[in-house]
Amino acid sequence: MPIFEDTPTKYKNWAEQYYELALPETEILAIFEHQPLSNELIQAINPDNSLEELEEDITQIGYPSRYK
């Protein structure tokens, strides 16, 4: 997906326009750096999600997380 192949700032700008919401730059950078996901990181981006709710998706794509 080309939107993920660019810079965190370009993705943030695209996502803010697409989803019509403000996103925290620090957390977007953490995702681009493949820092392990935590509840705090996930909920800073989307307060309606949690590490537990996303466990299957996270495992499926092989993203590092602090689950369990």
PDB file of N, CA and C in Angstrom:
ATOM      1  N   MET A   1       0.850  -1.170   0.000  1.00  0.00           N
ATOM      2  CA  MET A   1       0.000   0.000   0.000  1.00  0.00           C
ATOM      3  C   MET A   1       0.903   1.243   0.000  1.00  0.00           C
ATOM      4  N   PRO A   2       0.855   2.042  -1.028  1.00  0.00           N
ATOM      5  CA  PRO A   2       1.766   3.185  -1.162  1.00  0.00           C
ATOM      6  C   PRO A   2       1.735   4.174  -0.002  1.00  0.00           C
ATOM      7  N   ILE A   3       0.616   4.328   0.685  1.00  0.00           N
ATOM      8  CA  ILE A   3       0.563   5.306   1.774  1.00  0.00           C
ATOM      9  C   ILE A   3       1.471   4.928   2.929  1.00  0.00           C
ATOM     10  N   PHE A   4       1.834   3.645   3.034  1.00  0.00           N
ATOM     11  CA  PHE A   4       2.717   3.204   4.110  1.00  0.00           C
ATOM     12  C   PHE A   4       4.181   3.203   3.685  1.00  0.00           C
ATOM     13  N   GLU A   5       4.461   3.432   2.420  1.00  0.00           N
ATOM     14  CA  GLU A   5       5.823   3.384   1.911  1.00  0.00           C
ATOM     15  C   GLU A   5       6.512   4.739   1.972  1.00  0.00           C
ATOM     16  N   ASP A   6       5.830   5.744   2.417  1.00  0.00           N
ATOM     17  CA  ASP A   6       6.396   7.088   2.455  1.00  0.00           C
ATOM     18  C   ASP A   6       6.866   7.413   3.869  1.00  0.00           C
ATOM     19  N   THR A   7       6.684   8.632   4.263  1.00  0.00           N
ATOM     20  CA  THR A   7       7.132   9.077   5.582  1.00  0.00           C
ATOM     21  C   THR A   7       5.959   9.083   6.560  1.00  0.00           C
ATOM     22  N   PRO A   8       6.258   9.042   7.852  1.00  0.00           N
ATOM     23  CA  PRO A   8       5.182   9.120   8.847  1.00  0.00           C
ATOM     24  C   PRO A   8       4.337  10.384   8.687  1.00  0.00           C
ATOM     25  N   THR A   9       4.983  11.493   8.350  1.00  0.00           N
ATOM     26  CA  THR A   9       4.245  12.755   8.193  1.00  0.00           C
ATOM     27  C   THR A   9       3.277  12.679   7.020  1.00  0.00           C
ATOM     28  N   LYS A  10       3.717  12.108   5.903  1.00  0.00           N
ATOM     29  CA  LYS A  10       2.820  11.973   4.749  1.00  0.00           C
ATOM     30  C   LYS A  10       1.652  11.054   5.075  1.00  0.00           C
ATOM     31  N   TYR A  11       1.925   9.953   5.782  1.00  0.00           N
ATOM     32  CA  TYR A  11       0.832   9.060   6.165  1.00  0.00           C
ATOM     33  C   TYR A  11      -0.134   9.784   7.107  1.00  0.00           C
ATOM     34  N   LYS A  12       0.405  10.484   8.094  1.00  0.00           N
ATOM     35  CA  LYS A  12      -0.437  11.211   9.055  1.00  0.00           C
ATOM     36  C   LYS A  12      -1.340  12.189   8.324  1.00  0.00           C
ATOM     37  N   ASN A  13      -0.782  12.957   7.401  1.00  0.00           N
ATOM     38  CA  ASN A  13      -1.589  13.928   6.639  1.00  0.00           C
ATOM     39  C   ASN A  13      -2.676  13.232   5.834  1.00  0.00           C
ATOM     40  N   TRP A  14      -2.319  12.131   5.168  1.00  0.00           N
ATOM     41  CA  TRP A  14      -3.305  11.376   4.389  1.00  0.00           C
ATOM     42  C   TRP A  14      -4.414  10.845   5.301  1.00  0.00           C
ATOM     43  N   ALA A  15      -4.034  10.219   6.400  1.00  0.00           N
ATOM     44  CA  ALA A  15      -5.015   9.605   7.302  1.00  0.00           C
ATOM     45  C   ALA A  15      -5.930  10.649   7.936  1.00  0.00           C
ATOM     46  N   GLU A  16      -5.383  11.779   8.290  1.00  0.00           N
ATOM     47  CA  GLU A  16      -6.211  12.830   8.882  1.00  0.00           C
ATOM     48  C   GLU A  16      -7.261  13.327   7.893  1.00  0.00           C
ATOM     49  N   GLN A  17      -6.887  13.443   6.644  1.00  0.00           N
ATOM     50  CA  GLN A  17      -7.871  13.849   5.630  1.00  0.00           C
ATOM     51  C   GLN A  17      -8.874  12.730   5.370  1.00  0.00           C
ATOM     52  N   TYR A  18      -8.390  11.522   5.248  1.00  0.00           N
ATOM     53  CA  TYR A  18      -9.257  10.388   4.920  1.00  0.00           C
ATOM     54  C   TYR A  18     -10.257  10.099   6.043  1.00  0.00           C
ATOM     55  N   TYR A  19      -9.772  10.054   7.292  1.00  0.00           N
ATOM     56  CA  TYR A  19     -10.633   9.713   8.429  1.00  0.00           C
ATOM     57  C   TYR A  19     -11.263  10.929   9.092  1.00  0.00           C
ATOM     58  N   GLU A  20     -10.854  12.116   8.660  1.00  0.00           N
ATOM     59  CA  GLU A  20     -11.375  13.370   9.194  1.00  0.00           C
ATOM     60  C   GLU A  20     -11.221  13.455  10.712  1.00  0.00           C
ATOM     61  N   LEU A  21      -9.990  13.212  11.160  1.00  0.00           N
ATOM     62  CA  LEU A  21      -9.674  13.337  12.575  1.00  0.00           C
ATOM     63  C   LEU A  21      -8.206  13.659  12.738  1.00  0.00           C
ATOM     64  N   ALA A  22      -7.845  14.138  13.907  1.00  0.00           N
ATOM     65  CA  ALA A  22      -6.450  14.471  14.200  1.00  0.00           C
ATOM     66  C   ALA A  22      -5.754  13.241  14.771  1.00  0.00           C
ATOM     67  N   LEU A  23      -4.538  13.003  14.319  1.00  0.00           N
ATOM     68  CA  LEU A  23      -3.756  11.871  14.804  1.00  0.00           C
ATOM     69  C   LEU A  23      -2.492  12.368  15.491  1.00  0.00           C
ATOM     70  N   PRO A  24      -2.067  11.678  16.552  1.00  0.00           N
ATOM     71  CA  PRO A  24      -0.859  12.092  17.268  1.00  0.00           C
ATOM     72  C   PRO A  24       0.410  11.692  16.504  1.00  0.00           C
ATOM     73  N   GLU A  25       1.254  12.656  16.228  1.00  0.00           N
ATOM     74  CA  GLU A  25       2.449  12.417  15.419  1.00  0.00           C
ATOM     75  C   GLU A  25       3.413  11.429  16.077  1.00  0.00           C
ATOM     76  N   THR A  26       3.594  11.530  17.382  1.00  0.00           N
ATOM     77  CA  THR A  26       4.520  10.637  18.084  1.00  0.00           C
ATOM     78  C   THR A  26       4.115   9.179  17.939  1.00  0.00           C
ATOM     79  N   GLU A  27       2.834   8.897  18.045  1.00  0.00           N
ATOM     80  CA  GLU A  27       2.353   7.527  17.944  1.00  0.00           C
ATOM     81  C   GLU A  27       2.435   7.002  16.512  1.00  0.00           C
ATOM     82  N   ILE A  28       2.176   7.868  15.545  1.00  0.00           N
ATOM     83  CA  ILE A  28       2.315   7.457  14.141  1.00  0.00           C
ATOM     84  C   ILE A  28       3.777   7.094  13.863  1.00  0.00           C
ATOM     85  N   LEU A  29       4.703   7.887  14.364  1.00  0.00           N
ATOM     86  CA  LEU A  29       6.128   7.598  14.209  1.00  0.00           C
ATOM     87  C   LEU A  29       6.477   6.260  14.859  1.00  0.00           C
ATOM     88  N   ALA A  30       5.919   5.977  16.019  1.00  0.00           N
ATOM     89  CA  ALA A  30       6.183   4.710  16.706  1.00  0.00           C
ATOM     90  C   ALA A  30       5.739   3.520  15.849  1.00  0.00           C
ATOM     91  N   ILE A  31       4.615   3.652  15.170  1.00  0.00           N
ATOM     92  CA  ILE A  31       4.139   2.591  14.284  1.00  0.00           C
ATOM     93  C   ILE A  31       5.117   2.418  13.117  1.00  0.00           C
ATOM     94  N   PHE A  32       5.544   3.508  12.521  1.00  0.00           N
ATOM     95  CA  PHE A  32       6.492   3.436  11.398  1.00  0.00           C
ATOM     96  C   PHE A  32       7.821   2.820  11.825  1.00  0.00           C
ATOM     97  N   GLU A  33       8.184   2.989  13.089  1.00  0.00           N
ATOM     98  CA  GLU A  33       9.424   2.421  13.601  1.00  0.00           C
ATOM     99  C   GLU A  33       9.242   0.984  14.090  1.00  0.00           C
ATOM    100  N   HIS A  34       8.050   0.457  13.932  1.00  0.00           N
ATOM    101  CA  HIS A  34       7.688  -0.904  14.365  1.00  0.00           C
ATOM    102  C   HIS A  34       7.943  -1.131  15.847  1.00  0.00           C
ATOM    103  N   GLN A  35       7.694  -0.099  16.647  1.00  0.00           N
ATOM    104  CA  GLN A  35       7.778  -0.272  18.089  1.00  0.00           C
ATOM    105  C   GLN A  35       6.648  -1.186  18.518  1.00  0.00           C
ATOM    106  N   PRO A  36       6.876  -2.019  19.531  1.00  0.00           N
ATOM    107  CA  PRO A  36       5.823  -2.929  19.972  1.00  0.00           C
ATOM    108  C   PRO A  36       4.546  -2.174  20.350  1.00  0.00           C
ATOM    109  N   LEU A  37       3.419  -2.736  19.943  1.00  0.00           N
ATOM    110  CA  LEU A  37       2.131  -2.129  20.272  1.00  0.00           C
ATOM    111  C   LEU A  37       1.812  -2.343  21.745  1.00  0.00           C
ATOM    112  N   SER A  38       1.220  -1.349  22.329  1.00  0.00           N
ATOM    113  CA  SER A  38       0.733  -1.415  23.698  1.00  0.00           C
ATOM    114  C   SER A  38      -0.663  -0.811  23.702  1.00  0.00           C
ATOM    115  N   ASN A  39      -1.395  -1.032  24.771  1.00  0.00           N
ATOM    116  CA  ASN A  39      -2.721  -0.413  24.877  1.00  0.00           C
ATOM    117  C   ASN A  39      -2.612   1.103  24.774  1.00  0.00           C
ATOM    118  N   GLU A  40      -1.595   1.665  25.404  1.00  0.00           N
ATOM    119  CA  GLU A  40      -1.434   3.113  25.398  1.00  0.00           C
ATOM    120  C   GLU A  40      -1.238   3.640  23.974  1.00  0.00           C
ATOM    121  N   LEU A  41      -0.408   2.947  23.206  1.00  0.00           N
ATOM    122  CA  LEU A  41      -0.145   3.367  21.834  1.00  0.00           C
ATOM    123  C   LEU A  41      -1.406   3.248  20.975  1.00  0.00           C
ATOM    124  N   ILE A  42      -2.073   2.122  21.074  1.00  0.00           N
ATOM    125  CA  ILE A  42      -3.293   1.891  20.292  1.00  0.00           C
ATOM    126  C   ILE A  42      -4.363   2.913  20.651  1.00  0.00           C
ATOM    127  N   GLN A  43      -4.574   3.131  21.937  1.00  0.00           N
ATOM    128  CA  GLN A  43      -5.655   4.022  22.360  1.00  0.00           C
ATOM    129  C   GLN A  43      -5.333   5.489  22.127  1.00  0.00           C
ATOM    130  N   ALA A  44      -4.073   5.834  21.969  1.00  0.00           N
ATOM    131  CA  ALA A  44      -3.722   7.215  21.593  1.00  0.00           C
ATOM    132  C   ALA A  44      -4.169   7.499  20.165  1.00  0.00           C
ATOM    133  N   ILE A  45      -4.181   6.445  19.345  1.00  0.00           N
ATOM    134  CA  ILE A  45      -4.619   6.585  17.953  1.00  0.00           C
ATOM    135  C   ILE A  45      -6.118   6.376  17.827  1.00  0.00           C
ATOM    136  N   ASN A  46      -6.632   5.374  18.536  1.00  0.00           N
ATOM    137  CA  ASN A  46      -8.071   5.074  18.494  1.00  0.00           C
ATOM    138  C   ASN A  46      -8.525   4.607  19.869  1.00  0.00           C
ATOM    139  N   PRO A  47      -9.119   5.495  20.660  1.00  0.00           N
ATOM    140  CA  PRO A  47      -9.537   5.146  22.016  1.00  0.00           C
ATOM    141  C   PRO A  47     -10.576   4.013  22.086  1.00  0.00           C
ATOM    142  N   ASP A  48     -11.194   3.694  20.952  1.00  0.00           N
ATOM    143  CA  ASP A  48     -12.210   2.646  20.943  1.00  0.00           C
ATOM    144  C   ASP A  48     -11.629   1.258  20.719  1.00  0.00           C
ATOM    145  N   ASN A  49     -10.307   1.144  20.550  1.00  0.00           N
ATOM    146  CA  ASN A  49      -9.652  -0.149  20.340  1.00  0.00           C
ATOM    147  C   ASN A  49      -8.732  -0.481  21.500  1.00  0.00           C
ATOM    148  N   SER A  50      -8.362  -1.738  21.590  1.00  0.00           N
ATOM    149  CA  SER A  50      -7.411  -2.170  22.609  1.00  0.00           C
ATOM    150  C   SER A  50      -6.512  -3.246  22.020  1.00  0.00           C
ATOM    151  N   LEU A  51      -5.432  -3.505  22.704  1.00  0.00           N
ATOM    152  CA  LEU A  51      -4.499  -4.546  22.289  1.00  0.00           C
ATOM    153  C   LEU A  51      -5.212  -5.894  22.211  1.00  0.00           C
ATOM    154  N   GLU A  52      -6.058  -6.161  23.181  1.00  0.00           N
ATOM    155  CA  GLU A  52      -6.799  -7.420  23.205  1.00  0.00           C
ATOM    156  C   GLU A  52      -7.737  -7.546  22.004  1.00  0.00           C
ATOM    157  N   GLU A  53      -8.442  -6.478  21.671  1.00  0.00           N
ATOM    158  CA  GLU A  53      -9.367  -6.508  20.539  1.00  0.00           C
ATOM    159  C   GLU A  53      -8.645  -6.711  19.204  1.00  0.00           C
ATOM    160  N   LEU A  54      -7.415  -6.246  19.123  1.00  0.00           N
ATOM    161  CA  LEU A  54      -6.659  -6.324  17.877  1.00  0.00           C
ATOM    162  C   LEU A  54      -5.698  -7.510  17.823  1.00  0.00           C
ATOM    163  N   GLU A  55      -5.700  -8.341  18.862  1.00  0.00           N
ATOM    164  CA  GLU A  55      -4.736  -9.437  18.959  1.00  0.00           C
ATOM    165  C   GLU A  55      -4.683 -10.307  17.701  1.00  0.00           C
ATOM    166  N   GLU A  56      -5.811 -10.712  17.183  1.00  0.00           N
ATOM    167  CA  GLU A  56      -5.832 -11.582  16.006  1.00  0.00           C
ATOM    168  C   GLU A  56      -5.207 -10.890  14.791  1.00  0.00           C
ATOM    169  N   ASP A  57      -5.572  -9.639  14.569  1.00  0.00           N
ATOM    170  CA  ASP A  57      -5.012  -8.887  13.443  1.00  0.00           C
ATOM    171  C   ASP A  57      -3.505  -8.698  13.604  1.00  0.00           C
ATOM    172  N   ILE A  58      -3.080  -8.371  14.810  1.00  0.00           N
ATOM    173  CA  ILE A  58      -1.664  -8.144  15.091  1.00  0.00           C
ATOM    174  C   ILE A  58      -0.861  -9.423  14.830  1.00  0.00           C
ATOM    175  N   THR A  59      -1.392 -10.534  15.305  1.00  0.00           N
ATOM    176  CA  THR A  59      -0.726 -11.823  15.102  1.00  0.00           C
ATOM    177  C   THR A  59      -0.676 -12.174  13.628  1.00  0.00           C
ATOM    178  N   GLN A  60      -1.760 -11.929  12.927  1.00  0.00           N
ATOM    179  CA  GLN A  60      -1.848 -12.276  11.509  1.00  0.00           C
ATOM    180  C   GLN A  60      -0.806 -11.534  10.669  1.00  0.00           C
ATOM    181  N   ILE A  61      -0.564 -10.272  10.977  1.00  0.00           N
ATOM    182  CA  ILE A  61       0.406  -9.515  10.177  1.00  0.00           C
ATOM    183  C   ILE A  61       1.817  -9.587  10.753  1.00  0.00           C
ATOM    184  N   GLY A  62       1.967 -10.192  11.923  1.00  0.00           N
ATOM    185  CA  GLY A  62       3.288 -10.361  12.509  1.00  0.00           C
ATOM    186  C   GLY A  62       3.883  -9.105  13.111  1.00  0.00           C
ATOM    187  N   TYR A  63       3.033  -8.173  13.504  1.00  0.00           N
ATOM    188  CA  TYR A  63       3.521  -6.928  14.096  1.00  0.00           C
ATOM    189  C   TYR A  63       3.905  -7.183  15.555  1.00  0.00           C
ATOM    190  N   PRO A  64       5.021  -6.614  16.039  1.00  0.00           N
ATOM    191  CA  PRO A  64       5.409  -6.824  17.434  1.00  0.00           C
ATOM    192  C   PRO A  64       4.428  -6.144  18.394  1.00  0.00           C
ATOM    193  N   SER A  65       4.131  -6.829  19.480  1.00  0.00           N
ATOM    194  CA  SER A  65       3.231  -6.238  20.483  1.00  0.00           C
ATOM    195  C   SER A  65       3.643  -6.673  21.872  1.00  0.00           C
ATOM    196  N   ARG A  66       3.056  -6.022  22.828  1.00  0.00           N
ATOM    197  CA  ARG A  66       3.291  -6.349  24.231  1.00  0.00           C
ATOM    198  C   ARG A  66       2.110  -7.130  24.782  1.00  0.00           C
ATOM    199  N   TYR A  67       1.474  -7.894  23.930  1.00  0.00           N
ATOM    200  CA  TYR A  67       0.298  -8.646  24.366  1.00  0.00           C
ATOM    201  C   TYR A  67       0.720  -9.766  25.279  1.00  0.00           C
ATOM    202  N   LYS A  68       0.053  -9.886  26.369  1.00  0.00           N
ATOM    203  CA  LYS A  68       0.244 -10.911  27.418  1.00  0.00           C
ATOM    204  C   LYS A  68       1.505 -10.744  28.158  1.00  0.00           C
TER     205      LYS A  68
END
